[in-house]
Amino acid sequence: MTTKTFKCTETSPFTAGTATKKHGLLATMTHTMLVWQERASMRSQLANLDKENLSDMGLTATEISAELRKPFWQQ
């Protein structure tokens, strides 16, 4: 059995209201793009998991379907 670990690291010193003031526009845009890329990657990995791994994670088919339909920019 293969074990895969998924980690979401959306915590950051960047916040919506202060990111531009503290770190600049380029840093804010870079962070946003990295978060989007991570979401797309995680959803792709979720789509490729087999039913056994999904059931081990406690996810239902409805939850998986809803998550996979989300665009990369939506949390």
PDB file of N, CA and C in Angstrom:
ATOM      1  N   MET A   1       0.845  -1.178   0.000  1.00  0.00           N
ATOM      2  CA  MET A   1       0.000   0.000   0.000  1.00  0.00           C
ATOM      3  C   MET A   1       0.892   1.244   0.000  1.00  0.00           C
ATOM      4  N   THR A   2       0.568   2.180  -0.818  1.00  0.00           N
ATOM      5  CA  THR A   2       1.316   3.432  -0.910  1.00  0.00           C
ATOM      6  C   THR A   2       0.640   4.485  -0.048  1.00  0.00           C
ATOM      7  N   THR A   3       1.430   5.175   0.726  1.00  0.00           N
ATOM      8  CA  THR A   3       0.902   6.237   1.569  1.00  0.00           C
ATOM      9  C   THR A   3       1.326   7.579   0.996  1.00  0.00           C
ATOM     10  N   LYS A   4       0.355   8.442   0.810  1.00  0.00           N
ATOM     11  CA  LYS A   4       0.633   9.781   0.313  1.00  0.00           C
ATOM     12  C   LYS A   4       0.213  10.782   1.369  1.00  0.00           C
ATOM     13  N   THR A   5       0.999  11.779   1.548  1.00  0.00           N
ATOM     14  CA  THR A   5       0.686  12.838   2.502  1.00  0.00           C
ATOM     15  C   THR A   5       0.474  14.134   1.742  1.00  0.00           C
ATOM     16  N   PHE A   6      -0.629  14.795   2.047  1.00  0.00           N
ATOM     17  CA  PHE A   6      -0.931  16.064   1.418  1.00  0.00           C
ATOM     18  C   PHE A   6      -0.873  17.137   2.486  1.00  0.00           C
ATOM     19  N   LYS A   7      -0.207  18.204   2.183  1.00  0.00           N
ATOM     20  CA  LYS A   7      -0.042  19.276   3.145  1.00  0.00           C
ATOM     21  C   LYS A   7      -0.485  20.586   2.504  1.00  0.00           C
ATOM     22  N   CYS A   8      -1.318  21.284   3.202  1.00  0.00           N
ATOM     23  CA  CYS A   8      -1.759  22.594   2.734  1.00  0.00           C
ATOM     24  C   CYS A   8      -1.018  23.653   3.537  1.00  0.00           C
ATOM     25  N   THR A   9      -0.288  24.503   2.847  1.00  0.00           N
ATOM     26  CA  THR A   9       0.495  25.521   3.538  1.00  0.00           C
ATOM     27  C   THR A   9       0.039  26.916   3.133  1.00  0.00           C
ATOM     28  N   GLU A  10      -1.233  27.166   3.302  1.00  0.00           N
ATOM     29  CA  GLU A  10      -1.766  28.467   2.909  1.00  0.00           C
ATOM     30  C   GLU A  10      -1.588  29.517   3.995  1.00  0.00           C
ATOM     31  N   THR A  11      -0.928  29.173   5.093  1.00  0.00           N
ATOM     32  CA  THR A  11      -0.646  30.192   6.089  1.00  0.00           C
ATOM     33  C   THR A  11       0.553  30.990   5.623  1.00  0.00           C
ATOM     34  N   SER A  12       0.500  32.262   5.824  1.00  0.00           N
ATOM     35  CA  SER A  12       1.528  33.122   5.288  1.00  0.00           C
ATOM     36  C   SER A  12       1.534  34.455   6.011  1.00  0.00           C
ATOM     37  N   PRO A  13       2.646  35.153   5.982  1.00  0.00           N
ATOM     38  CA  PRO A  13       2.644  36.501   6.553  1.00  0.00           C
ATOM     39  C   PRO A  13       1.847  37.488   5.718  1.00  0.00           C
ATOM     40  N   PHE A  14       1.415  37.074   4.530  1.00  0.00           N
ATOM     41  CA  PHE A  14       0.654  37.943   3.649  1.00  0.00           C
ATOM     42  C   PHE A  14      -0.813  37.859   4.013  1.00  0.00           C
ATOM     43  N   THR A  15      -1.435  38.979   4.243  1.00  0.00           N
ATOM     44  CA  THR A  15      -2.875  39.013   4.459  1.00  0.00           C
ATOM     45  C   THR A  15      -3.471  39.958   3.440  1.00  0.00           C
ATOM     46  N   ALA A  16      -4.722  39.778   3.169  1.00  0.00           N
ATOM     47  CA  ALA A  16      -5.358  40.540   2.101  1.00  0.00           C
ATOM     48  C   ALA A  16      -5.197  42.052   2.269  1.00  0.00           C
ATOM     49  N   GLY A  17      -5.334  42.547   3.478  1.00  0.00           N
ATOM     50  CA  GLY A  17      -5.292  43.981   3.680  1.00  0.00           C
ATOM     51  C   GLY A  17      -3.903  44.587   3.770  1.00  0.00           C
ATOM     52  N   THR A  18      -2.921  43.811   4.231  1.00  0.00           N
ATOM     53  CA  THR A  18      -1.609  44.390   4.496  1.00  0.00           C
ATOM     54  C   THR A  18      -0.501  43.891   3.583  1.00  0.00           C
ATOM     55  N   ALA A  19      -0.778  42.917   2.748  1.00  0.00           N
ATOM     56  CA  ALA A  19       0.285  42.325   1.925  1.00  0.00           C
ATOM     57  C   ALA A  19       0.946  43.363   1.031  1.00  0.00           C
ATOM     58  N   THR A  20       0.169  44.175   0.376  1.00  0.00           N
ATOM     59  CA  THR A  20       0.738  45.167  -0.524  1.00  0.00           C
ATOM     60  C   THR A  20       1.536  46.213   0.238  1.00  0.00           C
ATOM     61  N   LYS A  21       1.057  46.617   1.396  1.00  0.00           N
ATOM     62  CA  LYS A  21       1.751  47.629   2.185  1.00  0.00           C
ATOM     63  C   LYS A  21       3.073  47.109   2.743  1.00  0.00           C
ATOM     64  N   LYS A  22       3.082  45.885   3.278  1.00  0.00           N
ATOM     65  CA  LYS A  22       4.264  45.342   3.940  1.00  0.00           C
ATOM     66  C   LYS A  22       5.285  44.765   2.970  1.00  0.00           C
ATOM     67  N   HIS A  23       4.841  44.097   1.950  1.00  0.00           N
ATOM     68  CA  HIS A  23       5.745  43.312   1.131  1.00  0.00           C
ATOM     69  C   HIS A  23       5.791  43.713  -0.340  1.00  0.00           C
ATOM     70  N   GLY A  24       4.949  44.575  -0.755  1.00  0.00           N
ATOM     71  CA  GLY A  24       4.972  45.025  -2.134  1.00  0.00           C
ATOM     72  C   GLY A  24       4.083  44.211  -3.043  1.00  0.00           C
ATOM     73  N   LEU A  25       3.780  44.788  -4.143  1.00  0.00           N
ATOM     74  CA  LEU A  25       2.874  44.184  -5.103  1.00  0.00           C
ATOM     75  C   LEU A  25       3.436  42.893  -5.694  1.00  0.00           C
ATOM     76  N   LEU A  26       4.712  42.882  -6.044  1.00  0.00           N
ATOM     77  CA  LEU A  26       5.307  41.688  -6.640  1.00  0.00           C
ATOM     78  C   LEU A  26       5.261  40.507  -5.673  1.00  0.00           C
ATOM     79  N   ALA A  27       5.557  40.736  -4.414  1.00  0.00           N
ATOM     80  CA  ALA A  27       5.510  39.662  -3.416  1.00  0.00           C
ATOM     81  C   ALA A  27       4.086  39.142  -3.244  1.00  0.00           C
ATOM     82  N   THR A  28       3.127  40.045  -3.235  1.00  0.00           N
ATOM     83  CA  THR A  28       1.726  39.657  -3.102  1.00  0.00           C
ATOM     84  C   THR A  28       1.280  38.821  -4.290  1.00  0.00           C
ATOM     85  N   MET A  29       1.645  39.254  -5.485  1.00  0.00           N
ATOM     86  CA  MET A  29       1.274  38.507  -6.696  1.00  0.00           C
ATOM     87  C   MET A  29       1.958  37.146  -6.728  1.00  0.00           C
ATOM     88  N   THR A  30       3.214  37.088  -6.328  1.00  0.00           N
ATOM     89  CA  THR A  30       3.942  35.825  -6.297  1.00  0.00           C
ATOM     90  C   THR A  30       3.293  34.867  -5.315  1.00  0.00           C
ATOM     91  N   HIS A  31       2.961  35.352  -4.142  1.00  0.00           N
ATOM     92  CA  HIS A  31       2.304  34.509  -3.142  1.00  0.00           C
ATOM     93  C   HIS A  31       0.967  33.983  -3.667  1.00  0.00           C
ATOM     94  N   THR A  32       0.179  34.849  -4.258  1.00  0.00           N
ATOM     95  CA  THR A  32      -1.123  34.450  -4.790  1.00  0.00           C
ATOM     96  C   THR A  32      -0.966  33.358  -5.851  1.00  0.00           C
ATOM     97  N   MET A  33      -0.007  33.527  -6.732  1.00  0.00           N
ATOM     98  CA  MET A  33       0.201  32.523  -7.787  1.00  0.00           C
ATOM     99  C   MET A  33       0.666  31.186  -7.203  1.00  0.00           C
ATOM    100  N   LEU A  34       1.498  31.231  -6.170  1.00  0.00           N
ATOM    101  CA  LEU A  34       1.950  29.993  -5.532  1.00  0.00           C
ATOM    102  C   LEU A  34       0.803  29.275  -4.824  1.00  0.00           C
ATOM    103  N   VAL A  35      -0.070  30.033  -4.189  1.00  0.00           N
ATOM    104  CA  VAL A  35      -1.237  29.436  -3.542  1.00  0.00           C
ATOM    105  C   VAL A  35      -2.138  28.789  -4.596  1.00  0.00           C
ATOM    106  N   TRP A  36      -2.381  29.481  -5.685  1.00  0.00           N
ATOM    107  CA  TRP A  36      -3.212  28.931  -6.760  1.00  0.00           C
ATOM    108  C   TRP A  36      -2.598  27.657  -7.330  1.00  0.00           C
ATOM    109  N   GLN A  37      -1.290  27.664  -7.540  1.00  0.00           N
ATOM    110  CA  GLN A  37      -0.605  26.494  -8.077  1.00  0.00           C
ATOM    111  C   GLN A  37      -0.729  25.323  -7.105  1.00  0.00           C
ATOM    112  N   GLU A  38      -0.585  25.588  -5.816  1.00  0.00           N
ATOM    113  CA  GLU A  38      -0.704  24.525  -4.826  1.00  0.00           C
ATOM    114  C   GLU A  38      -2.112  23.946  -4.807  1.00  0.00           C
ATOM    115  N   ARG A  39      -3.126  24.798  -4.877  1.00  0.00           N
ATOM    116  CA  ARG A  39      -4.508  24.309  -4.904  1.00  0.00           C
ATOM    117  C   ARG A  39      -4.759  23.422  -6.121  1.00  0.00           C
ATOM    118  N   ALA A  40      -4.305  23.867  -7.289  1.00  0.00           N
ATOM    119  CA  ALA A  40      -4.500  23.079  -8.515  1.00  0.00           C
ATOM    120  C   ALA A  40      -3.787  21.738  -8.398  1.00  0.00           C
ATOM    121  N   SER A  41      -2.585  21.748  -7.857  1.00  0.00           N
ATOM    122  CA  SER A  41      -1.813  20.521  -7.699  1.00  0.00           C
ATOM    123  C   SER A  41      -2.494  19.561  -6.721  1.00  0.00           C
ATOM    124  N   MET A  42      -2.965  20.090  -5.604  1.00  0.00           N
ATOM    125  CA  MET A  42      -3.623  19.240  -4.613  1.00  0.00           C
ATOM    126  C   MET A  42      -4.910  18.637  -5.161  1.00  0.00           C
ATOM    127  N   ARG A  43      -5.649  19.414  -5.921  1.00  0.00           N
ATOM    128  CA  ARG A  43      -6.890  18.889  -6.510  1.00  0.00           C
ATOM    129  C   ARG A  43      -6.590  17.837  -7.565  1.00  0.00           C
ATOM    130  N   SER A  44      -5.522  18.028  -8.304  1.00  0.00           N
ATOM    131  CA  SER A  44      -5.102  17.025  -9.285  1.00  0.00           C
ATOM    132  C   SER A  44      -4.705  15.727  -8.590  1.00  0.00           C
ATOM    133  N   GLN A  45      -3.962  15.854  -7.504  1.00  0.00           N
ATOM    134  CA  GLN A  45      -3.566  14.667  -6.746  1.00  0.00           C
ATOM    135  C   GLN A  45      -4.781  13.975  -6.139  1.00  0.00           C
ATOM    136  N   LEU A  46      -5.731  14.735  -5.656  1.00  0.00           N
ATOM    137  CA  LEU A  46      -6.967  14.182  -5.102  1.00  0.00           C
ATOM    138  C   LEU A  46      -7.727  13.396  -6.162  1.00  0.00           C
ATOM    139  N   ALA A  47      -7.766  13.935  -7.367  1.00  0.00           N
ATOM    140  CA  ALA A  47      -8.473  13.263  -8.465  1.00  0.00           C
ATOM    141  C   ALA A  47      -7.829  11.924  -8.825  1.00  0.00           C
ATOM    142  N   ASN A  48      -6.535  11.786  -8.547  1.00  0.00           N
ATOM    143  CA  ASN A  48      -5.819  10.560  -8.913  1.00  0.00           C
ATOM    144  C   ASN A  48      -5.764   9.517  -7.810  1.00  0.00           C
ATOM    145  N   LEU A  49      -6.322   9.810  -6.642  1.00  0.00           N
ATOM    146  CA  LEU A  49      -6.317   8.830  -5.561  1.00  0.00           C
ATOM    147  C   LEU A  49      -7.337   7.736  -5.818  1.00  0.00           C
ATOM    148  N   ASP A  50      -7.022   6.530  -5.364  1.00  0.00           N
ATOM    149  CA  ASP A  50      -7.976   5.435  -5.518  1.00  0.00           C
ATOM    150  C   ASP A  50      -9.015   5.475  -4.391  1.00  0.00           C
ATOM    151  N   LYS A  51     -10.071   4.676  -4.529  1.00  0.00           N
ATOM    152  CA  LYS A  51     -11.185   4.716  -3.576  1.00  0.00           C
ATOM    153  C   LYS A  51     -10.750   4.334  -2.168  1.00  0.00           C
ATOM    154  N   GLU A  52      -9.784   3.428  -2.061  1.00  0.00           N
ATOM    155  CA  GLU A  52      -9.303   3.006  -0.747  1.00  0.00           C
ATOM    156  C   GLU A  52      -8.661   4.176  -0.004  1.00  0.00           C
ATOM    157  N   ASN A  53      -7.803   4.908  -0.689  1.00  0.00           N
ATOM    158  CA  ASN A  53      -7.158   6.068  -0.052  1.00  0.00           C
ATOM    159  C   ASN A  53      -8.171   7.150   0.296  1.00  0.00           C
ATOM    160  N   LEU A  54      -9.129   7.373  -0.577  1.00  0.00           N
ATOM    161  CA  LEU A  54     -10.149   8.386  -0.308  1.00  0.00           C
ATOM    162  C   LEU A  54     -10.993   8.003   0.905  1.00  0.00           C
ATOM    163  N   SER A  55     -11.349   6.721   1.013  1.00  0.00           N
ATOM    164  CA  SER A  55     -12.142   6.295   2.166  1.00  0.00           C
ATOM    165  C   SER A  55     -11.307   6.370   3.440  1.00  0.00           C
ATOM    166  N   ASP A  56     -10.003   6.100   3.340  1.00  0.00           N
ATOM    167  CA  ASP A  56      -9.119   6.240   4.508  1.00  0.00           C
ATOM    168  C   ASP A  56      -9.074   7.693   4.988  1.00  0.00           C
ATOM    169  N   MET A  57      -9.202   8.608   4.061  1.00  0.00           N
ATOM    170  CA  MET A  57      -9.191  10.032   4.409  1.00  0.00           C
ATOM    171  C   MET A  57     -10.546  10.488   4.946  1.00  0.00           C
ATOM    172  N   GLY A  58     -11.561   9.649   4.824  1.00  0.00           N
ATOM    173  CA  GLY A  58     -12.885   9.990   5.315  1.00  0.00           C
ATOM    174  C   GLY A  58     -13.664  10.911   4.399  1.00  0.00           C
ATOM    175  N   LEU A  59     -13.332  10.894   3.118  1.00  0.00           N
ATOM    176  CA  LEU A  59     -14.020  11.759   2.160  1.00  0.00           C
ATOM    177  C   LEU A  59     -15.114  10.989   1.431  1.00  0.00           C
ATOM    178  N   THR A  60     -16.238  11.650   1.217  1.00  0.00           N
ATOM    179  CA  THR A  60     -17.315  11.042   0.452  1.00  0.00           C
ATOM    180  C   THR A  60     -17.183  11.429  -1.017  1.00  0.00           C
ATOM    181  N   ALA A  61     -17.873  10.702  -1.869  1.00  0.00           N
ATOM    182  CA  ALA A  61     -17.851  11.011  -3.297  1.00  0.00           C
ATOM    183  C   ALA A  61     -18.384  12.414  -3.562  1.00  0.00           C
ATOM    184  N   THR A  62     -19.363  12.828  -2.805  1.00  0.00           N
ATOM    185  CA  THR A  62     -19.943  14.166  -2.958  1.00  0.00           C
ATOM    186  C   THR A  62     -18.922  15.248  -2.607  1.00  0.00           C
ATOM    187  N   GLU A  63     -18.188  15.055  -1.515  1.00  0.00           N
ATOM    188  CA  GLU A  63     -17.167  16.029  -1.102  1.00  0.00           C
ATOM    189  C   GLU A  63     -16.043  16.120  -2.134  1.00  0.00           C
ATOM    190  N   ILE A  64     -15.643  14.978  -2.639  1.00  0.00           N
ATOM    191  CA  ILE A  64     -14.566  14.943  -3.632  1.00  0.00           C
ATOM    192  C   ILE A  64     -15.006  15.646  -4.909  1.00  0.00           C
ATOM    193  N   SER A  65     -16.205  15.331  -5.348  1.00  0.00           N
ATOM    194  CA  SER A  65     -16.729  15.943  -6.562  1.00  0.00           C
ATOM    195  C   SER A  65     -16.821  17.461  -6.422  1.00  0.00           C
ATOM    196  N   ALA A  66     -17.292  17.914  -5.269  1.00  0.00           N
ATOM    197  CA  ALA A  66     -17.414  19.361  -5.034  1.00  0.00           C
ATOM    198  C   ALA A  66     -16.039  20.023  -5.043  1.00  0.00           C
ATOM    199  N   GLU A  67     -15.047  19.390  -4.430  1.00  0.00           N
ATOM    200  CA  GLU A  67     -13.703  19.963  -4.381  1.00  0.00           C
ATOM    201  C   GLU A  67     -13.082  20.010  -5.779  1.00  0.00           C
ATOM    202  N   LEU A  68     -13.276  18.974  -6.570  1.00  0.00           N
ATOM    203  CA  LEU A  68     -12.670  18.919  -7.894  1.00  0.00           C
ATOM    204  C   LEU A  68     -13.304  19.891  -8.886  1.00  0.00           C
ATOM    205  N   ARG A  69     -14.548  20.304  -8.618  1.00  0.00           N
ATOM    206  CA  ARG A  69     -15.209  21.266  -9.504  1.00  0.00           C
ATOM    207  C   ARG A  69     -14.771  22.711  -9.258  1.00  0.00           C
ATOM    208  N   LYS A  70     -14.120  22.958  -8.130  1.00  0.00           N
ATOM    209  CA  LYS A  70     -13.714  24.317  -7.802  1.00  0.00           C
ATOM    210  C   LYS A  70     -12.591  24.784  -8.729  1.00  0.00           C
ATOM    211  N   PRO A  71     -12.638  26.025  -9.160  1.00  0.00           N
ATOM    212  CA  PRO A  71     -11.512  26.575  -9.918  1.00  0.00           C
ATOM    213  C   PRO A  71     -10.323  26.807  -8.991  1.00  0.00           C
ATOM    214  N   PHE A  72      -9.132  26.893  -9.551  1.00  0.00           N
ATOM    215  CA  PHE A  72      -7.913  26.994  -8.734  1.00  0.00           C
ATOM    216  C   PHE A  72      -7.893  28.214  -7.832  1.00  0.00           C
ATOM    217  N   TRP A  73      -8.594  29.252  -8.181  1.00  0.00           N
ATOM    218  CA  TRP A  73      -8.552  30.469  -7.369  1.00  0.00           C
ATOM    219  C   TRP A  73      -9.548  30.421  -6.201  1.00  0.00           C
ATOM    220  N   GLN A  74     -10.399  29.421  -6.165  1.00  0.00           N
ATOM    221  CA  GLN A  74     -11.393  29.326  -5.099  1.00  0.00           C
ATOM    222  C   GLN A  74     -10.894  28.400  -3.995  1.00  0.00           C
ATOM    223  N   GLN A  75     -10.999  28.855  -2.758  1.00  0.00           N
ATOM    224  CA  GLN A  75     -10.523  28.054  -1.627  1.00  0.00           C
ATOM    225  C   GLN A  75     -11.510  27.007  -1.263  1.00  0.00           C
TER     226      GLN A  75
END
